[in-house]
Amino acid sequence: MNFYGIYSILIVKYQIKVMRSSGAANYSDIAAGVMYAAQKGVKVINISLGGYANSNTLRNAVEAAVSTYGVVMVAGAGNDNLNQAFYPAAYDNVLGVAGTASTPMPIFARPRLRRSAGNLGQRPRMP
């Protein structure tokens, strides 16, 4: 348990690599990874990467994973200190997560205390 009374449990069944050796990842590769995980029965998918362009391919894969396979999608909201939507975290059916300030309050509630590198974009929210 941490200082704020939050417990953490991490169980990793699959690690699906969608990035190329160069460190880049195409939305089509991320979408293929989402669909692969969903079809294998993964119920929670965490994506800690993305980009600023909206992608129909990625959106369709996320929607299929959520609506057809019952997946809970979690994605990082970005680390570039920008007020821009970051995908896939910005999709309505994805739980977007971001850093917080030194107080247990979401960054969108107290922007003057936000982490210097966290994106603001669309505020993190529950789908």
Protein backbone atom coordinates (compact mmCIF):
# COMPACT_ATOMS: atom_id res chain seq x y z
CA MET A 1 0.00 0.00 0.00
CA ASN A 2 1.33 3.46 -0.84
CA PHE A 3 0.99 6.75 1.08
CA TYR A 4 -2.51 7.38 -0.32
CA GLY A 5 -3.89 3.93 0.57
CA ILE A 6 -3.75 2.55 -2.98
CA TYR A 7 -2.76 -1.04 -3.57
CA SER A 8 -1.15 -2.16 -6.81
CA ILE A 9 -1.37 -5.57 -8.43
CA LEU A 10 0.27 -6.38 -11.74
CA ILE A 11 -0.27 -9.66 -13.54
CA VAL A 12 1.24 -9.84 -17.00
CA LYS A 13 0.08 -12.71 -19.15
CA TYR A 14 1.20 -11.37 -22.52
CA GLN A 15 3.82 -8.91 -23.64
CA ILE A 16 2.99 -8.00 -27.22
CA LYS A 17 5.67 -6.03 -29.00
CA VAL A 18 4.37 -3.51 -31.50
CA MET A 19 7.43 -1.28 -31.81
CA ARG A 20 10.07 -1.72 -34.46
CA SER A 21 13.76 -2.05 -33.61
CA SER A 22 14.12 1.66 -34.50
CA GLY A 23 11.80 2.54 -31.61
CA ALA A 24 8.95 3.64 -33.90
CA ALA A 25 5.48 2.11 -33.93
CA ASN A 26 2.89 2.53 -36.65
CA TYR A 27 -0.76 2.81 -35.65
CA SER A 28 -1.43 -0.26 -37.80
CA ASP A 29 1.10 -2.24 -35.72
CA ILE A 30 -0.48 -1.04 -32.47
CA ALA A 31 -3.95 -1.93 -33.82
CA ALA A 32 -2.74 -5.41 -34.77
CA GLY A 33 -1.35 -5.86 -31.25
CA VAL A 34 -4.64 -4.74 -29.68
CA MET A 35 -6.60 -7.21 -31.81
CA TYR A 36 -4.14 -10.03 -31.13
CA ALA A 37 -4.43 -9.51 -27.38
CA ALA A 38 -8.24 -9.23 -27.50
CA GLN A 39 -8.56 -12.41 -29.56
CA LYS A 40 -6.30 -14.26 -27.10
CA GLY A 41 -8.73 -13.37 -24.29
CA VAL A 42 -6.81 -10.56 -22.61
CA LYS A 43 -9.29 -8.53 -20.55
CA VAL A 44 -7.15 -5.47 -19.71
CA ILE A 45 -4.80 -3.92 -22.26
CA ASN A 46 -2.37 -1.23 -21.16
CA ILE A 47 -0.78 0.84 -23.92
CA SER A 48 2.06 3.11 -22.87
CA LEU A 49 2.65 4.64 -26.28
CA GLY A 50 0.73 6.50 -28.96
CA GLY A 51 0.73 9.68 -30.96
CA TYR A 52 -1.04 12.93 -31.78
CA ALA A 53 -2.69 11.90 -35.04
CA ASN A 54 -6.09 10.26 -34.96
CA SER A 55 -6.13 6.88 -36.72
CA ASN A 56 -9.23 5.12 -38.04
CA THR A 57 -7.33 1.82 -37.99
CA LEU A 58 -6.39 2.16 -34.32
CA ARG A 59 -9.82 3.51 -33.33
CA ASN A 60 -11.55 0.59 -35.06
CA ALA A 61 -9.28 -1.93 -33.32
CA VAL A 62 -9.90 -0.32 -29.92
CA GLU A 63 -13.66 -0.22 -30.51
CA ALA A 64 -13.68 -3.89 -31.57
CA ALA A 65 -11.59 -4.93 -28.56
CA VAL A 66 -13.91 -3.10 -26.17
CA SER A 67 -17.30 -3.88 -27.72
CA THR A 68 -16.70 -7.37 -29.13
CA TYR A 69 -14.22 -8.85 -26.65
CA GLY A 70 -15.07 -6.87 -23.49
CA VAL A 71 -11.56 -5.50 -23.09
CA VAL A 72 -10.80 -2.63 -20.72
CA MET A 73 -8.37 -0.33 -22.51
CA VAL A 74 -5.89 1.82 -20.56
CA ALA A 75 -3.45 4.18 -22.28
CA GLY A 76 -0.97 6.88 -21.35
CA ALA A 77 -2.01 10.46 -22.15
CA GLY A 78 1.50 11.48 -23.29
CA ASN A 79 4.61 13.02 -21.77
CA ASP A 80 5.32 16.03 -23.96
CA ASN A 81 3.75 18.80 -21.84
CA LEU A 82 1.28 19.66 -24.61
CA ASN A 83 -2.37 20.64 -24.56
CA GLN A 84 -3.21 18.18 -27.33
CA ALA A 85 -5.15 14.92 -27.58
CA PHE A 86 -2.90 11.84 -27.49
CA TYR A 87 -4.17 8.64 -29.07
CA PRO A 88 -5.30 6.01 -28.16
CA ALA A 89 -5.79 7.61 -24.71
CA ALA A 90 -8.10 10.27 -26.21
CA TYR A 91 -10.65 7.77 -27.54
CA ASP A 92 -13.94 7.72 -25.62
CA ASN A 93 -13.72 4.02 -24.73
CA VAL A 94 -10.15 4.19 -23.37
CA LEU A 95 -9.17 5.06 -19.82
CA GLY A 96 -6.51 7.74 -20.35
CA VAL A 97 -3.98 8.10 -17.54
CA ALA A 98 -1.61 10.94 -16.77
CA GLY A 99 0.78 12.07 -14.05
CA THR A 100 -0.41 14.00 -11.03
CA ALA A 101 0.93 16.73 -8.82
CA SER A 102 2.45 16.21 -5.38
CA THR A 103 -1.07 16.26 -3.95
CA PRO A 104 -3.51 13.44 -4.80
CA MET A 105 -5.44 15.56 -7.29
CA PRO A 106 -5.71 15.03 -11.06
CA ILE A 107 -3.55 17.33 -13.18
CA PHE A 108 -6.59 18.73 -14.98
CA ALA A 109 -7.96 19.99 -11.66
CA ARG A 110 -4.86 21.94 -10.62
CA PRO A 111 -2.76 22.68 -13.72
CA ARG A 112 -0.31 24.90 -11.88
CA LEU A 113 0.82 21.83 -9.94
CA ARG A 114 0.97 19.43 -12.86
CA ARG A 115 4.10 17.51 -13.73
CA SER A 116 6.28 19.44 -16.12
CA ALA A 117 6.21 16.65 -18.71
CA GLY A 118 2.58 15.44 -18.56
CA ASN A 119 0.17 16.22 -21.39
CA LEU A 120 -3.04 18.09 -20.67
CA GLY A 121 -4.95 17.36 -23.91
CA GLN A 122 -8.36 15.94 -23.20
CA ARG A 123 -8.54 15.32 -19.49
CA PRO A 124 -8.06 11.72 -18.35
CA ARG A 125 -11.43 10.12 -17.70
CA MET A 126 -13.30 6.89 -17.25
CA PRO A 127 -14.89 5.56 -20.45
